[in-house]
PDB file of all heavy atoms in Angstrom:
ATOM      1  N   THR A   1     111.374  26.881   7.418  1.00  0.00           N
ATOM      2  CA  THR A   1     111.545  25.576   8.092  1.00  0.00           C
ATOM      3  C   THR A   1     112.150  24.542   7.217  1.00  0.00           C
ATOM      4  O   THR A   1     113.113  23.868   7.624  1.00  0.00           O
ATOM      5  CB  THR A   1     110.143  25.143   8.606  1.00  0.00           C
ATOM      6  OG1 THR A   1     109.623  26.114   9.534  1.00  0.00           O
ATOM      7  CG2 THR A   1     110.271  23.795   9.307  1.00  0.00           C
ATOM      8  N   GLU A   2     111.595  24.363   6.018  1.00  0.00           N
ATOM      9  CA  GLU A   2     112.132  23.400   5.101  1.00  0.00           C
ATOM     10  C   GLU A   2     113.523  23.605   4.760  1.00  0.00           C
ATOM     11  O   GLU A   2     114.322  22.623   4.458  1.00  0.00           O
ATOM     12  CB  GLU A   2     111.218  23.224   3.940  1.00  0.00           C
ATOM     13  CG  GLU A   2     109.785  22.764   4.219  1.00  0.00           C
ATOM     14  CD  GLU A   2     108.799  22.956   3.141  1.00  0.00           C
ATOM     15  OE1 GLU A   2     109.290  23.381   1.974  1.00  0.00           O
ATOM     16  OE2 GLU A   2     107.605  22.676   3.302  1.00  0.00           O
ATOM     17  N   ASN A   3     113.978  24.828   4.548  1.00  0.00           N
ATOM     18  CA  ASN A   3     115.301  25.117   4.144  1.00  0.00           C
ATOM     19  C   ASN A   3     116.388  25.254   5.199  1.00  0.00           C
ATOM     20  O   ASN A   3     117.480  25.534   4.906  1.00  0.00           O
ATOM     21  CB  ASN A   3     115.296  26.369   3.210  1.00  0.00           C
ATOM     22  CG  ASN A   3     114.697  26.113   1.844  1.00  0.00           C
ATOM     23  OD1 ASN A   3     115.430  25.803   0.962  1.00  0.00           O
ATOM     24  ND2 ASN A   3     113.375  26.457   1.758  1.00  0.00           N
ATOM     25  N   ALA A   4     115.913  25.335   6.450  1.00  0.00           N
ATOM     26  CA  ALA A   4     116.819  25.587   7.554  1.00  0.00           C
ATOM     27  C   ALA A   4     118.089  24.900   7.591  1.00  0.00           C
ATOM     28  O   ALA A   4     119.164  25.489   7.948  1.00  0.00           O
ATOM     29  CB  ALA A   4     115.964  25.490   8.897  1.00  0.00           C
ATOM     30  N   ARG A   5     118.087  23.640   7.333  1.00  0.00           N
ATOM     31  CA  ARG A   5     119.343  22.830   7.369  1.00  0.00           C
ATOM     32  C   ARG A   5     120.341  23.161   6.256  1.00  0.00           C
ATOM     33  O   ARG A   5     121.554  22.881   6.387  1.00  0.00           O
ATOM     34  CB  ARG A   5     119.010  21.264   7.281  1.00  0.00           C
ATOM     35  CG  ARG A   5     118.552  20.734   8.568  1.00  0.00           C
ATOM     36  CD  ARG A   5     118.857  19.157   8.549  1.00  0.00           C
ATOM     37  NE  ARG A   5     118.382  18.524   9.741  1.00  0.00           N
ATOM     38  CZ  ARG A   5     119.020  18.363  10.887  1.00  0.00           C
ATOM     39  NH1 ARG A   5     120.261  18.940  10.955  1.00  0.00           N
ATOM     40  NH2 ARG A   5     118.630  17.793  11.885  1.00  0.00           N
ATOM     41  N   ASN A   6     119.916  23.926   5.321  1.00  0.00           N
ATOM     42  CA  ASN A   6     120.730  24.245   4.208  1.00  0.00           C
ATOM     43  C   ASN A   6     121.568  25.548   4.542  1.00  0.00           C
ATOM     44  O   ASN A   6     122.431  26.018   3.692  1.00  0.00           O
ATOM     45  CB  ASN A   6     120.017  24.487   2.865  1.00  0.00           C
ATOM     46  CG  ASN A   6     119.244  23.300   2.476  1.00  0.00           C
ATOM     47  OD1 ASN A   6     119.727  22.141   2.605  1.00  0.00           O
ATOM     48  ND2 ASN A   6     118.024  23.498   1.895  1.00  0.00           N
ATOM     49  N   TRP A   7     121.334  26.192   5.719  1.00  0.00           N
ATOM     50  CA  TRP A   7     121.929  27.453   5.918  1.00  0.00           C
ATOM     51  C   TRP A   7     122.810  27.413   7.150  1.00  0.00           C
ATOM     52  O   TRP A   7     122.522  26.556   8.046  1.00  0.00           O
ATOM     53  CB  TRP A   7     120.770  28.505   6.255  1.00  0.00           C
ATOM     54  CG  TRP A   7     119.808  28.665   5.141  1.00  0.00           C
ATOM     55  CD1 TRP A   7     119.930  28.557   3.848  1.00  0.00           C
ATOM     56  CD2 TRP A   7     118.432  29.136   5.281  1.00  0.00           C
ATOM     57  NE1 TRP A   7     118.853  28.764   3.114  1.00  0.00           N
ATOM     58  CE2 TRP A   7     117.897  29.136   3.990  1.00  0.00           C
ATOM     59  CE3 TRP A   7     117.617  29.463   6.314  1.00  0.00           C
ATOM     60  CZ2 TRP A   7     116.573  29.474   3.757  1.00  0.00           C
ATOM     61  CZ3 TRP A   7     116.346  29.854   6.190  1.00  0.00           C
ATOM     62  CH2 TRP A   7     115.772  29.877   4.771  1.00  0.00           C
ATOM     63  N   ASP A   8     123.761  28.126   7.188  1.00  0.00           N
ATOM     64  CA  ASP A   8     124.756  28.206   8.275  1.00  0.00           C
ATOM     65  C   ASP A   8     124.567  29.607   9.033  1.00  0.00           C
ATOM     66  O   ASP A   8     125.250  30.522   8.770  1.00  0.00           O
ATOM     67  CB  ASP A   8     126.199  28.107   7.849  1.00  0.00           C
ATOM     68  CG  ASP A   8     127.145  28.001   8.926  1.00  0.00           C
ATOM     69  OD1 ASP A   8     126.759  27.848  10.160  1.00  0.00           O
ATOM     70  OD2 ASP A   8     128.454  28.045   8.644  1.00  0.00           O
ATOM     71  N   ILE A   9     123.483  29.589   9.891  1.00  0.00           N
ATOM     72  CA  ILE A   9     122.989  30.855  10.523  1.00  0.00           C
ATOM     73  C   ILE A   9     123.892  31.124  11.773  1.00  0.00           C
ATOM     74  O   ILE A   9     124.118  30.338  12.602  1.00  0.00           O
ATOM     75  CB  ILE A   9     121.538  30.756  10.887  1.00  0.00           C
ATOM     76  CG1 ILE A   9     120.619  30.541   9.638  1.00  0.00           C
ATOM     77  CG2 ILE A   9     121.162  32.056  11.606  1.00  0.00           C
ATOM     78  CD1 ILE A   9     120.710  31.546   8.629  1.00  0.00           C
ATOM     79  N   GLY A  10     124.315  32.400  11.809  1.00  0.00           N
ATOM     80  CA  GLY A  10     125.092  32.925  12.942  1.00  0.00           C
ATOM     81  C   GLY A  10     124.352  33.922  13.749  1.00  0.00           C
ATOM     82  O   GLY A  10     124.573  34.074  14.917  1.00  0.00           O
ATOM     83  N   PHE A  11     123.530  34.651  12.955  1.00  0.00           N
ATOM     84  CA  PHE A  11     122.775  35.735  13.607  1.00  0.00           C
ATOM     85  C   PHE A  11     121.278  35.553  13.249  1.00  0.00           C
ATOM     86  O   PHE A  11     120.968  35.267  12.056  1.00  0.00           O
ATOM     87  CB  PHE A  11     123.194  37.151  12.998  1.00  0.00           C
ATOM     88  CG  PHE A  11     124.576  37.556  13.284  1.00  0.00           C
ATOM     89  CD1 PHE A  11     125.642  36.926  12.563  1.00  0.00           C
ATOM     90  CD2 PHE A  11     124.902  38.550  14.091  1.00  0.00           C
ATOM     91  CE1 PHE A  11     126.983  37.329  12.810  1.00  0.00           C
ATOM     92  CE2 PHE A  11     126.231  39.018  14.352  1.00  0.00           C
ATOM     93  CZ  PHE A  11     127.192  38.364  13.631  1.00  0.00           C
ATOM     94  N   VAL A  12     120.399  35.853  14.155  1.00  0.00           N
ATOM     95  CA  VAL A  12     118.968  35.886  14.002  1.00  0.00           C
ATOM     96  C   VAL A  12     118.491  37.303  14.281  1.00  0.00           C
ATOM     97  O   VAL A  12     118.784  37.765  15.423  1.00  0.00           O
ATOM     98  CB  VAL A  12     118.244  34.782  14.695  1.00  0.00           C
ATOM     99  CG1 VAL A  12     116.760  34.984  14.542  1.00  0.00           C
ATOM    100  CG2 VAL A  12     118.605  33.458  14.191  1.00  0.00           C
ATOM    101  N   VAL A  13     117.583  37.883  13.544  1.00  0.00           N
ATOM    102  CA  VAL A  13     116.992  39.227  13.700  1.00  0.00           C
ATOM    103  C   VAL A  13     115.630  39.228  13.677  1.00  0.00           C
ATOM    104  O   VAL A  13     115.091  38.745  12.591  1.00  0.00           O
ATOM    105  CB  VAL A  13     117.639  40.273  12.768  1.00  0.00           C
ATOM    106  CG1 VAL A  13     117.161  41.642  13.058  1.00  0.00           C
ATOM    107  CG2 VAL A  13     119.319  40.308  12.747  1.00  0.00           C
ATOM    108  N   GLY A  14     114.847  39.736  14.610  1.00  0.00           N
ATOM    109  CA  GLY A  14     113.400  39.815  14.570  1.00  0.00           C
ATOM    110  C   GLY A  14     112.754  40.042  15.894  1.00  0.00           C
ATOM    111  O   GLY A  14     113.407  40.194  16.924  1.00  0.00           O
ATOM    112  N   VAL A  15     111.459  40.069  15.819  1.00  0.00           N
ATOM    113  CA  VAL A  15     110.542  40.277  16.971  1.00  0.00           C
ATOM    114  C   VAL A  15     110.497  38.915  17.726  1.00  0.00           C
ATOM    115  O   VAL A  15     110.375  37.925  17.090  1.00  0.00           O
ATOM    116  CB  VAL A  15     109.123  40.738  16.709  1.00  0.00           C
ATOM    117  CG1 VAL A  15     108.221  40.732  17.742  1.00  0.00           C
ATOM    118  CG2 VAL A  15     109.185  42.156  15.980  1.00  0.00           C
ATOM    119  N   PRO A  16     110.732  38.929  19.114  1.00  0.00           N
ATOM    120  CA  PRO A  16     110.915  37.703  19.832  1.00  0.00           C
ATOM    121  C   PRO A  16     109.699  36.664  19.626  1.00  0.00           C
ATOM    122  O   PRO A  16     110.031  35.501  19.430  1.00  0.00           O
ATOM    123  CB  PRO A  16     110.864  38.190  21.333  1.00  0.00           C
ATOM    124  CG  PRO A  16     111.458  39.533  21.174  1.00  0.00           C
ATOM    125  CD  PRO A  16     110.968  40.119  19.928  1.00  0.00           C
ATOM    126  N   ALA A  17     108.512  37.088  19.626  1.00  0.00           N
ATOM    127  CA  ALA A  17     107.437  36.124  19.424  1.00  0.00           C
ATOM    128  C   ALA A  17     107.451  35.409  18.144  1.00  0.00           C
ATOM    129  O   ALA A  17     107.367  34.082  18.087  1.00  0.00           O
ATOM    130  CB  ALA A  17     106.094  36.844  19.542  1.00  0.00           C
ATOM    131  N   TRP A  18     107.816  36.060  17.040  1.00  0.00           N
ATOM    132  CA  TRP A  18     107.852  35.435  15.714  1.00  0.00           C
ATOM    133  C   TRP A  18     109.093  34.548  15.565  1.00  0.00           C
ATOM    134  O   TRP A  18     109.084  33.436  14.999  1.00  0.00           O
ATOM    135  CB  TRP A  18     107.734  36.482  14.626  1.00  0.00           C
ATOM    136  CG  TRP A  18     106.465  37.274  14.769  1.00  0.00           C
ATOM    137  CD1 TRP A  18     106.504  38.578  14.838  1.00  0.00           C
ATOM    138  CD2 TRP A  18     105.141  36.857  14.859  1.00  0.00           C
ATOM    139  NE1 TRP A  18     105.197  39.121  15.073  1.00  0.00           N
ATOM    140  CE2 TRP A  18     104.439  38.031  15.023  1.00  0.00           C
ATOM    141  CE3 TRP A  18     104.512  35.680  14.766  1.00  0.00           C
ATOM    142  CZ2 TRP A  18     102.953  37.935  15.077  1.00  0.00           C
ATOM    143  CZ3 TRP A  18     103.178  35.622  14.912  1.00  0.00           C
ATOM    144  CH2 TRP A  18     102.330  36.743  15.113  1.00  0.00           C
ATOM    145  N   ILE A  19     110.197  34.945  16.140  1.00  0.00           N
ATOM    146  CA  ILE A  19     111.467  34.112  16.105  1.00  0.00           C
ATOM    147  C   ILE A  19     111.268  32.912  16.911  1.00  0.00           C
ATOM    148  O   ILE A  19     111.643  31.796  16.503  1.00  0.00           O
ATOM    149  CB  ILE A  19     112.616  34.928  16.676  1.00  0.00           C
ATOM    150  CG1 ILE A  19     113.018  36.202  15.835  1.00  0.00           C
ATOM    151  CG2 ILE A  19     113.861  34.097  16.858  1.00  0.00           C
ATOM    152  CD1 ILE A  19     113.562  35.794  14.396  1.00  0.00           C
ATOM    153  N   GLN A  20     110.584  32.960  18.065  1.00  0.00           N
ATOM    154  CA  GLN A  20     110.329  31.773  18.848  1.00  0.00           C
ATOM    155  C   GLN A  20     109.401  30.864  18.068  1.00  0.00           C
ATOM    156  O   GLN A  20     109.684  29.623  18.171  1.00  0.00           O
ATOM    157  CB  GLN A  20     109.666  32.178  20.140  1.00  0.00           C
ATOM    158  CG  GLN A  20     109.492  31.027  21.148  1.00  0.00           C
ATOM    159  CD  GLN A  20     109.182  31.460  22.500  1.00  0.00           C
ATOM    160  OE1 GLN A  20     109.271  32.622  22.939  1.00  0.00           O
ATOM    161  NE2 GLN A  20     108.671  30.510  23.394  1.00  0.00           N
ATOM    162  N   ILE A  21     108.354  31.228  17.437  1.00  0.00           N
ATOM    163  CA  ILE A  21     107.469  30.456  16.710  1.00  0.00           C
ATOM    164  C   ILE A  21     108.258  29.748  15.617  1.00  0.00           C
ATOM    165  O   ILE A  21     108.061  28.455  15.324  1.00  0.00           O
ATOM    166  CB  ILE A  21     106.254  31.242  16.152  1.00  0.00           C
ATOM    167  CG1 ILE A  21     105.370  31.620  17.262  1.00  0.00           C
ATOM    168  CG2 ILE A  21     105.523  30.498  14.994  1.00  0.00           C
ATOM    169  CD1 ILE A  21     104.278  32.665  16.889  1.00  0.00           C
ATOM    170  N   MET A  22     109.098  30.509  14.912  1.00  0.00           N
ATOM    171  CA  MET A  22     109.870  29.987  13.800  1.00  0.00           C
ATOM    172  C   MET A  22     110.808  28.830  14.318  1.00  0.00           C
ATOM    173  O   MET A  22     110.902  27.673  13.686  1.00  0.00           O
ATOM    174  CB  MET A  22     110.729  31.102  13.152  1.00  0.00           C
ATOM    175  CG  MET A  22     111.633  30.462  12.033  1.00  0.00           C
ATOM    176  SD  MET A  22     112.954  31.678  11.730  1.00  0.00           S
ATOM    177  CE  MET A  22     113.990  31.593  13.215  1.00  0.00           C
ATOM    178  N   MET A  23     111.451  29.013  15.420  1.00  0.00           N
ATOM    179  CA  MET A  23     112.473  28.034  16.054  1.00  0.00           C
ATOM    180  C   MET A  23     111.603  26.742  16.415  1.00  0.00           C
ATOM    181  O   MET A  23     112.088  25.618  16.119  1.00  0.00           O
ATOM    182  CB  MET A  23     113.123  28.615  17.172  1.00  0.00           C
ATOM    183  CG  MET A  23     114.260  29.609  16.823  1.00  0.00           C
ATOM    184  SD  MET A  23     115.188  30.148  18.329  1.00  0.00           S
ATOM    185  CE  MET A  23     116.446  31.161  17.569  1.00  0.00           C
ATOM    186  N   GLU A  24     110.514  26.915  16.965  1.00  0.00           N
ATOM    187  CA  GLU A  24     109.589  25.773  17.375  1.00  0.00           C
ATOM    188  C   GLU A  24     109.401  24.887  16.115  1.00  0.00           C
ATOM    189  O   GLU A  24     109.372  23.724  16.224  1.00  0.00           O
ATOM    190  CB  GLU A  24     108.437  26.267  18.096  1.00  0.00           C
ATOM    191  CG  GLU A  24     108.723  26.831  19.584  1.00  0.00           C
ATOM    192  CD  GLU A  24     107.532  27.434  20.093  1.00  0.00           C
ATOM    193  OE1 GLU A  24     106.528  27.804  19.470  1.00  0.00           O
ATOM    194  OE2 GLU A  24     107.670  27.547  21.405  1.00  0.00           O
ATOM    195  N   ARG A  25     108.887  25.627  15.137  1.00  0.00           N
ATOM    196  CA  ARG A  25     108.621  24.798  13.847  1.00  0.00           C
ATOM    197  C   ARG A  25     109.760  24.081  13.270  1.00  0.00           C
ATOM    198  O   ARG A  25     109.639  23.006  12.752  1.00  0.00           O
ATOM    199  CB  ARG A  25     108.043  25.827  12.845  1.00  0.00           C
ATOM    200  CG  ARG A  25     106.762  26.372  13.027  1.00  0.00           C
ATOM    201  CD  ARG A  25     106.055  26.807  11.746  1.00  0.00           C
ATOM    202  NE  ARG A  25     104.738  27.383  11.882  1.00  0.00           N
ATOM    203  CZ  ARG A  25     103.883  27.788  10.974  1.00  0.00           C
ATOM    204  NH1 ARG A  25     104.260  27.553   9.743  1.00  0.00           N
ATOM    205  NH2 ARG A  25     102.706  28.276  11.270  1.00  0.00           N
ATOM    206  N   ILE A  26     110.878  24.764  13.299  1.00  0.00           N
ATOM    207  CA  ILE A  26     112.151  24.116  12.748  1.00  0.00           C
ATOM    208  C   ILE A  26     112.508  22.854  13.518  1.00  0.00           C
ATOM    209  O   ILE A  26     112.794  21.796  13.035  1.00  0.00           O
ATOM    210  CB  ILE A  26     113.261  25.126  12.706  1.00  0.00           C
ATOM    211  CG1 ILE A  26     113.038  26.183  11.672  1.00  0.00           C
ATOM    212  CG2 ILE A  26     114.636  24.418  12.487  1.00  0.00           C
ATOM    213  CD1 ILE A  26     113.927  27.358  11.695  1.00  0.00           C
ATOM    214  N   ILE A  27     112.488  23.007  14.849  1.00  0.00           N
ATOM    215  CA  ILE A  27     112.773  21.849  15.836  1.00  0.00           C
ATOM    216  C   ILE A  27     111.906  20.679  15.616  1.00  0.00           C
ATOM    217  O   ILE A  27     112.275  19.655  15.539  1.00  0.00           O
ATOM    218  CB  ILE A  27     112.761  22.370  17.270  1.00  0.00           C
ATOM    219  CG1 ILE A  27     113.946  23.317  17.526  1.00  0.00           C
ATOM    220  CG2 ILE A  27     112.832  21.233  18.260  1.00  0.00           C
ATOM    221  CD1 ILE A  27     113.896  24.096  18.774  1.00  0.00           C
ATOM    222  N   GLU A  28     110.478  21.022  15.436  1.00  0.00           N
ATOM    223  CA  GLU A  28     109.508  19.915  15.343  1.00  0.00           C
ATOM    224  C   GLU A  28     109.729  19.317  13.929  1.00  0.00           C
ATOM    225  O   GLU A  28     109.698  18.055  13.838  1.00  0.00           O
ATOM    226  CB  GLU A  28     108.108  20.566  15.400  1.00  0.00           C
ATOM    227  CG  GLU A  28     107.018  19.525  15.331  1.00  0.00           C
ATOM    228  CD  GLU A  28     105.650  20.089  15.387  1.00  0.00           C
ATOM    229  OE1 GLU A  28     105.569  21.313  15.588  1.00  0.00           O
ATOM    230  OE2 GLU A  28     104.692  19.297  15.350  1.00  0.00           O
ATOM    231  N   TYR A  29     109.832  20.117  12.823  1.00  0.00           N
ATOM    232  CA  TYR A  29     109.936  19.511  11.549  1.00  0.00           C
ATOM    233  C   TYR A  29     111.227  18.644  11.353  1.00  0.00           C
ATOM    234  O   TYR A  29     111.106  17.626  10.750  1.00  0.00           O
ATOM    235  CB  TYR A  29     109.958  20.754  10.567  1.00  0.00           C
ATOM    236  CG  TYR A  29     110.141  20.334   9.128  1.00  0.00           C
ATOM    237  CD1 TYR A  29     108.991  19.981   8.333  1.00  0.00           C
ATOM    238  CD2 TYR A  29     111.384  20.262   8.435  1.00  0.00           C
ATOM    239  CE1 TYR A  29     109.086  19.515   7.012  1.00  0.00           C
ATOM    240  CE2 TYR A  29     111.422  19.847   7.190  1.00  0.00           C
ATOM    241  CZ  TYR A  29     110.360  19.532   6.429  1.00  0.00           C
ATOM    242  OH  TYR A  29     110.415  19.139   5.126  1.00  0.00           O
TER     243      TYR A  29
END
């Protein structure tokens, strides 16, 4: 979450539940 703005992500890979939780944290932070 803290490093997210430093990356230029084009692809995300993972289990839907955990990817969704990660995205919610990034958006809130």
